[in-house]
Amino acid sequence: MCSCSSSNMAGLRVSLRRADMQKYGRSSCWICAVFLTLAARLIAQTDASDVLTVTDANWTLILQGEWMIKFYAPWCPACQHLQTDWESLGRQSESLGISVGRVDVTQQPGLSGRFLVTTLPTIFHAKDGNFRKYVSSRTIEDIQAYVEQKKWAMVEPVPGWKSPSSLLMSGMANLFRLSVYIRQIHTYLTNTLGIPSWGSYVIFAIITLFMGLMLGLMLVLIADCIWPSRPKHREDKTVVIVKEEVSEEEVEDILMEEKHTSDLDNESERVSGDESTEEEGAISDGAADGSDQPPSEGAAESSVRKRKPQAQNTTEGT
């Protein structure tokens, strides 16, 4: 009995040791797995920290130093294909003497409008605020050669009016943000509230007209404040008063002048009547003396001279 009990005790001890070894082995495996996971995350964070995520809040950092910036979207297949090479470029950024950044256009629509990004992926090279669009091959070797051999110096930079830091591009960034907000509102109206698409368009049209009327009214008020209109009714009253004063003062002179001119006209008519009667008498005498003899040149000239003032008087009378 004793031998059996001792053997049983030994078997129990061996089984307990085996169970402990198995537990220790399992726990060590779990510890190793957790350690490897943490190490992988740490490495990923270290790699990701080499590529700076550029946003609207910190985009001014790329105005200083030398940068390579990539514009991408998570759903873009070409952007996904470039992701590995871009991360390796970020790891080599210190040796190349540059900084590497990336911009998610789905999260930063303002920056895509500021840089006028129309295709994905789009790569820009920045050197002290001068931007150049990278249009060569997207392999890691070509990008490294572009930086190391300074091939960017042979590329013409973006003009000043089109620069991301210009006032025009700032307005373009605001327009891109506004378009995204309008799209979000449209999605909320149609999907969440259940409004049909045409109803959403009608709402936007009414808001647009109302804003246009308000802006027009504001412009009119500002123009009136800066350039006020002249009071026309006051000027008209002053003109009328001046005319009345002048007419009262000079009415007697005007009447006297009219009377004087009428007297002169009457006198001229009398003189012309006398001359015409004298001329007729002279002509009749000449005809009586000799109808066959033509009138002399002196008589003709005198008759012409007499007729001229008569004609002038008649035209003045008319």
Protein backbone atom coordinates (compact mmCIF):
# COMPACT_ATOMS: atom_id res chain seq x y z
CA MET A 1 0.00 0.00 0.00
CA CYS A 2 2.79 2.33 0.80
CA SER A 3 4.52 1.69 -2.50
CA CYS A 4 1.32 2.33 -4.39
CA SER A 5 0.67 5.56 -2.58
CA SER A 6 4.21 6.77 -3.16
CA SER A 7 4.02 6.04 -6.83
CA ASN A 8 0.71 7.85 -7.08
CA MET A 9 2.16 10.87 -5.35
CA ALA A 10 5.09 10.89 -7.76
CA GLY A 11 2.73 10.73 -10.71
CA LEU A 12 0.72 13.63 -9.38
CA ARG A 13 3.84 15.70 -8.93
CA VAL A 14 4.98 14.97 -12.47
CA SER A 15 1.56 15.89 -13.89
CA LEU A 16 1.50 19.07 -11.86
CA ARG A 17 4.92 20.03 -13.14
CA ARG A 18 3.86 19.38 -16.70
CA ALA A 19 0.75 21.52 -16.21
CA ASP A 20 2.88 24.31 -14.76
CA MET A 21 5.28 24.09 -17.69
CA GLN A 22 2.42 24.26 -20.15
CA LYS A 23 0.94 27.30 -18.37
CA TYR A 24 4.33 28.95 -18.29
CA GLY A 25 4.83 28.24 -21.97
CA ARG A 26 1.44 29.67 -22.87
CA SER A 27 1.96 32.76 -20.78
CA SER A 28 5.39 33.31 -22.31
CA CYS A 29 3.89 32.98 -25.79
CA TRP A 30 1.29 35.62 -24.95
CA ILE A 31 3.95 37.91 -23.57
CA CYS A 32 6.05 37.52 -26.72
CA ALA A 33 3.03 38.23 -28.93
CA VAL A 34 2.16 41.38 -26.99
CA PHE A 35 5.76 42.53 -27.11
CA LEU A 36 5.99 42.00 -30.85
CA THR A 37 2.71 43.89 -31.37
CA LEU A 38 3.92 46.84 -29.35
CA ALA A 39 7.21 46.84 -31.20
CA ALA A 40 5.43 46.81 -34.56
CA ARG A 41 3.23 49.70 -33.51
CA LEU A 42 6.22 51.65 -32.29
CA ILE A 43 8.03 51.08 -35.59
CA ALA A 44 4.93 52.12 -37.53
CA GLN A 45 4.60 55.27 -35.47
CA THR A 46 8.28 56.03 -36.01
CA ASP A 47 7.88 55.59 -39.76
CA ALA A 48 4.68 57.61 -39.82
CA SER A 49 6.28 60.45 -37.88
CA ASP A 50 8.78 60.95 -40.73
CA VAL A 51 5.87 61.88 -43.04
CA LEU A 52 4.08 64.96 -41.71
CA THR A 53 0.33 65.18 -42.17
CA VAL A 54 -0.30 68.68 -43.54
CA THR A 55 -3.61 70.38 -42.66
CA ASP A 56 -5.17 73.83 -42.88
CA ALA A 57 -3.81 74.58 -39.42
CA ASN A 58 -0.11 73.86 -40.10
CA TRP A 59 0.29 74.21 -43.87
CA THR A 60 2.40 77.37 -43.44
CA LEU A 61 5.27 75.12 -42.29
CA ILE A 62 5.96 74.19 -45.90
CA LEU A 63 6.74 77.83 -46.72
CA GLN A 64 10.14 77.38 -45.06
CA GLY A 65 12.82 74.90 -46.06
CA GLU A 66 12.61 72.17 -48.71
CA TRP A 67 9.60 69.91 -48.91
CA MET A 68 8.03 67.15 -50.95
CA ILE A 69 4.25 67.12 -50.52
CA LYS A 70 1.87 64.47 -51.79
CA PHE A 71 -1.86 65.02 -52.30
CA TYR A 72 -3.81 61.77 -52.13
CA ALA A 73 -7.16 60.19 -51.34
CA PRO A 74 -7.69 56.89 -49.50
CA TRP A 75 -9.89 55.50 -52.28
CA CYS A 76 -7.36 56.27 -55.07
CA PRO A 77 -5.59 53.10 -56.37
CA ALA A 78 -2.59 55.05 -57.70
CA CYS A 79 -2.22 56.75 -54.31
CA GLN A 80 -2.26 53.37 -52.56
CA HIS A 81 0.42 52.11 -54.93
CA LEU A 82 2.61 55.13 -54.10
CA GLN A 83 2.14 54.84 -50.34
CA THR A 84 5.03 52.40 -49.73
CA ASP A 85 7.55 54.46 -51.72
CA TRP A 86 6.39 57.64 -50.02
CA GLU A 87 6.91 56.14 -46.56
CA SER A 88 10.41 55.02 -47.55
CA LEU A 89 11.08 58.56 -48.80
CA GLY A 90 9.99 59.81 -45.40
CA ARG A 91 12.51 57.50 -43.69
CA GLN A 92 15.26 58.89 -45.94
CA SER A 93 14.18 62.52 -45.54
CA GLU A 94 16.85 63.28 -42.95
CA SER A 95 19.67 62.02 -45.15
CA LEU A 96 18.26 63.93 -48.14
CA GLY A 97 17.91 67.14 -46.13
CA ILE A 98 14.23 67.60 -46.90
CA SER A 99 10.86 67.26 -45.18
CA VAL A 100 8.14 64.98 -46.48
CA GLY A 101 4.44 65.69 -46.10
CA ARG A 102 1.09 64.38 -47.26
CA VAL A 103 -2.37 65.91 -47.63
CA ASP A 104 -5.62 63.96 -47.59
CA VAL A 105 -7.88 65.88 -49.97
CA THR A 106 -11.00 64.26 -48.51
CA GLN A 107 -10.19 65.77 -45.13
CA GLN A 108 -8.54 69.01 -46.32
CA PRO A 109 -10.57 70.42 -49.26
CA GLY A 110 -9.22 73.89 -48.59
CA LEU A 111 -5.64 72.83 -49.34
CA SER A 112 -6.69 71.05 -52.52
CA GLY A 113 -8.27 74.31 -53.68
CA ARG A 114 -5.28 76.36 -52.55
CA PHE A 115 -2.94 74.19 -54.66
CA LEU A 116 -5.50 73.66 -57.48
CA VAL A 117 -5.23 69.89 -57.28
CA THR A 118 -7.19 68.31 -60.15
CA THR A 119 -5.53 64.87 -60.42
CA LEU A 120 -4.48 62.29 -57.84
CA PRO A 121 -1.85 61.70 -56.73
CA THR A 122 -0.26 65.14 -57.14
CA ILE A 123 3.24 65.88 -55.87
CA PHE A 124 4.69 69.34 -55.23
CA HIS A 125 8.25 70.38 -54.47
CA ALA A 126 8.59 73.43 -52.22
CA LYS A 127 11.75 75.43 -51.65
CA ASP A 128 11.51 78.52 -49.40
CA GLY A 129 7.97 79.30 -50.51
CA ASN A 130 8.54 78.57 -54.23
CA PHE A 131 6.37 75.69 -55.44
CA ARG A 132 7.00 73.41 -58.40
CA LYS A 133 4.79 70.61 -59.61
CA TYR A 134 6.52 67.24 -59.88
CA VAL A 135 5.60 65.60 -63.20
CA SER A 136 8.29 62.90 -63.51
CA SER A 137 8.11 59.22 -62.64
CA ARG A 138 6.77 58.39 -59.17
CA THR A 139 9.32 55.74 -58.28
CA ILE A 140 11.44 56.23 -55.19
CA GLU A 141 14.65 56.33 -57.22
CA ASP A 142 13.40 59.11 -59.51
CA ILE A 143 12.11 61.15 -56.58
CA GLN A 144 15.46 60.82 -54.80
CA ALA A 145 17.33 61.87 -57.94
CA TYR A 146 14.95 64.82 -58.33
CA VAL A 147 16.01 66.05 -54.89
CA GLU A 148 19.67 65.04 -54.80
CA GLN A 149 20.56 66.24 -58.30
CA LYS A 150 18.42 69.36 -57.91
CA LYS A 151 16.44 68.71 -61.03
CA TRP A 152 13.76 70.97 -59.60
CA ALA A 153 15.94 73.97 -60.49
CA MET A 154 15.20 73.35 -64.19
CA VAL A 155 11.43 73.47 -63.60
CA GLU A 156 9.68 76.84 -63.71
CA PRO A 157 7.99 77.61 -60.37
CA VAL A 158 4.34 78.39 -59.98
CA PRO A 159 3.68 82.11 -60.79
CA GLY A 160 3.06 84.52 -57.94
CA TRP A 161 -0.65 85.03 -58.56
CA LYS A 162 -1.10 81.25 -58.57
CA SER A 163 1.04 80.64 -55.50
CA PRO A 164 -0.74 78.92 -52.56
CA SER A 165 0.10 81.88 -50.33
CA SER A 166 -1.48 84.47 -52.68
CA LEU A 167 -4.77 86.21 -52.00
CA LEU A 168 -6.41 84.62 -55.04
CA MET A 169 -5.60 81.08 -53.91
CA SER A 170 -6.82 81.90 -50.40
CA GLY A 171 -10.17 82.81 -51.92
CA MET A 172 -10.11 79.61 -53.94
CA ALA A 173 -9.51 77.61 -50.75
CA ASN A 174 -12.55 79.24 -49.16
CA LEU A 175 -14.65 78.37 -52.20
CA PHE A 176 -13.59 74.72 -51.98
CA ARG A 177 -14.50 74.64 -48.29
CA LEU A 178 -17.86 76.24 -49.07
CA SER A 179 -18.57 73.64 -51.76
CA VAL A 180 -17.87 70.85 -49.28
CA TYR A 181 -20.18 72.44 -46.70
CA ILE A 182 -22.94 72.79 -49.29
CA ARG A 183 -22.52 69.15 -50.27
CA GLN A 184 -22.73 68.07 -46.63
CA ILE A 185 -25.91 70.13 -46.15
CA HIS A 186 -27.41 68.59 -49.29
CA THR A 187 -26.59 65.11 -48.02
CA TYR A 188 -28.16 65.90 -44.65
CA LEU A 189 -31.33 67.24 -46.25
CA THR A 190 -31.75 64.31 -48.63
CA ASN A 191 -30.58 61.37 -46.49
CA THR A 192 -31.39 62.39 -42.92
CA LEU A 193 -34.49 64.54 -43.39
CA GLY A 194 -35.79 62.66 -46.43
CA ILE A 195 -36.23 65.76 -48.62
CA PRO A 196 -36.12 65.00 -52.36
CA SER A 197 -33.25 66.30 -54.42
CA TRP A 198 -35.33 68.88 -56.27
CA GLY A 199 -36.56 70.21 -52.92
CA SER A 200 -32.98 70.65 -51.76
CA TYR A 201 -32.15 72.51 -54.98
CA VAL A 202 -35.16 74.82 -54.49
CA ILE A 203 -34.01 75.62 -50.95
CA PHE A 204 -30.51 76.47 -52.17
CA ALA A 205 -31.95 78.63 -54.98
CA ILE A 206 -34.11 80.62 -52.53
CA ILE A 207 -31.15 81.11 -50.18
CA THR A 208 -28.99 82.26 -53.10
CA LEU A 209 -31.58 84.82 -54.26
CA PHE A 210 -32.07 86.14 -50.73
CA MET A 211 -28.33 86.52 -50.22
CA GLY A 212 -28.02 88.30 -53.57
CA LEU A 213 -30.74 90.78 -52.60
CA MET A 214 -29.13 91.43 -49.25
CA LEU A 215 -25.70 91.98 -50.80
CA GLY A 216 -27.19 94.33 -53.40
CA LEU A 217 -28.93 96.35 -50.70
CA MET A 218 -25.72 96.59 -48.71
CA LEU A 219 -23.82 97.81 -51.79
CA VAL A 220 -26.45 100.47 -52.48
CA LEU A 221 -26.30 101.71 -48.89
CA ILE A 222 -22.51 101.82 -48.96
CA ALA A 223 -22.56 103.74 -52.26
CA ASP A 224 -25.05 106.26 -50.85
CA CYS A 225 -22.88 106.77 -47.79
CA ILE A 226 -19.70 107.30 -49.84
CA TRP A 227 -21.21 109.24 -52.76
CA PRO A 228 -24.47 110.89 -51.59
CA SER A 229 -26.91 112.02 -54.29
CA ARG A 230 -27.37 115.76 -54.95
CA PRO A 231 -30.66 117.48 -53.92
CA LYS A 232 -32.12 118.37 -57.34
CA HIS A 233 -35.35 120.02 -56.07
CA ARG A 234 -33.41 122.69 -54.21
CA GLU A 235 -31.44 123.69 -57.30
CA ASP A 236 -34.64 123.98 -59.32
CA LYS A 237 -36.15 126.31 -56.71
CA THR A 238 -33.11 128.57 -56.74
CA VAL A 239 -33.15 128.77 -60.51
CA VAL A 240 -36.83 129.77 -60.50
CA ILE A 241 -36.21 132.47 -57.89
CA VAL A 242 -33.34 133.94 -59.88
CA LYS A 243 -35.44 134.03 -62.99
CA GLU A 244 -38.26 135.83 -61.19
CA GLU A 245 -35.91 138.41 -59.71
CA VAL A 246 -34.32 139.10 -63.09
CA SER A 247 -37.70 139.49 -64.79
CA GLU A 248 -38.92 141.97 -62.20
CA GLU A 249 -35.79 144.10 -62.40
CA GLU A 250 -35.43 144.20 -66.19
CA VAL A 251 -39.02 144.13 -67.35
CA GLU A 252 -39.08 147.90 -67.88
CA ASP A 253 -35.84 147.86 -69.88
CA ILE A 254 -37.17 145.06 -72.06
CA LEU A 255 -40.37 147.00 -72.77
CA MET A 256 -38.42 150.12 -73.62
CA GLU A 257 -36.19 148.19 -76.01
CA GLU A 258 -39.18 146.63 -77.72
CA LYS A 259 -40.77 150.07 -78.10
CA HIS A 260 -37.56 151.53 -79.51
CA THR A 261 -37.19 148.73 -82.04
CA SER A 262 -40.82 149.15 -83.15
CA ASP A 263 -40.25 152.89 -83.67
CA LEU A 264 -37.16 152.19 -85.75
CA ASP A 265 -39.10 149.73 -87.88
CA ASN A 266 -41.85 152.24 -88.54
CA GLU A 267 -39.38 154.95 -89.48
CA SER A 268 -37.55 152.64 -91.88
CA GLU A 269 -40.83 151.72 -93.53
CA ARG A 270 -41.62 155.39 -94.02
CA VAL A 271 -38.21 156.11 -95.58
CA SER A 272 -38.51 153.15 -97.90
CA GLY A 273 -42.02 154.34 -98.97
CA ASP A 274 -40.73 157.82 -99.80
CA GLU A 275 -37.80 156.46 -101.78
CA SER A 276 -40.05 154.15 -103.75
CA THR A 277 -42.37 157.05 -104.70
CA GLU A 278 -39.43 159.18 -105.81
CA GLU A 279 -38.09 156.34 -107.89
CA GLU A 280 -41.43 155.79 -109.58
CA GLY A 281 -41.65 159.51 -110.40
CA ALA A 282 -38.16 159.50 -111.90
CA ILE A 283 -38.94 156.48 -113.99
CA SER A 284 -42.15 158.02 -115.28
CA ASP A 285 -40.32 161.24 -116.22
CA GLY A 286 -37.68 159.31 -118.02
CA ALA A 287 -40.32 157.44 -119.94
CA ALA A 288 -42.02 160.69 -120.88
CA ASP A 289 -38.80 162.30 -122.11
CA GLY A 290 -37.84 159.46 -124.35
CA SER A 291 -39.04 155.95 -124.23
CA ASP A 292 -36.47 154.83 -126.82
CA GLN A 293 -33.40 155.92 -124.81
CA PRO A 294 -32.13 153.40 -122.28
CA PRO A 295 -31.44 154.64 -118.77
CA SER A 296 -27.97 155.83 -117.99
CA GLU A 297 -25.52 153.87 -115.87
CA GLY A 298 -25.61 156.42 -113.03
CA ALA A 299 -29.39 156.27 -112.89
CA ALA A 300 -29.29 152.49 -112.85
CA GLU A 301 -26.74 152.47 -110.02
CA SER A 302 -28.78 154.96 -108.03
CA SER A 303 -31.90 152.87 -108.52
CA VAL A 304 -30.05 149.76 -107.38
CA ARG A 305 -28.72 151.63 -104.38
CA LYS A 306 -32.21 152.79 -103.53
CA ARG A 307 -33.65 149.34 -103.90
CA LYS A 308 -31.09 147.71 -101.61
CA PRO A 309 -32.10 149.52 -98.40
CA GLN A 310 -35.71 148.92 -99.32
CA ALA A 311 -35.08 145.18 -99.58
CA GLN A 312 -33.20 145.28 -96.31
CA ASN A 313 -36.04 147.09 -94.60
CA THR A 314 -38.56 144.59 -95.87
CA THR A 315 -36.45 141.67 -94.56
CA GLU A 316 -36.12 143.42 -91.20
CA GLY A 317 -39.87 143.94 -91.04
CA THR A 318 -40.52 140.29 -91.76
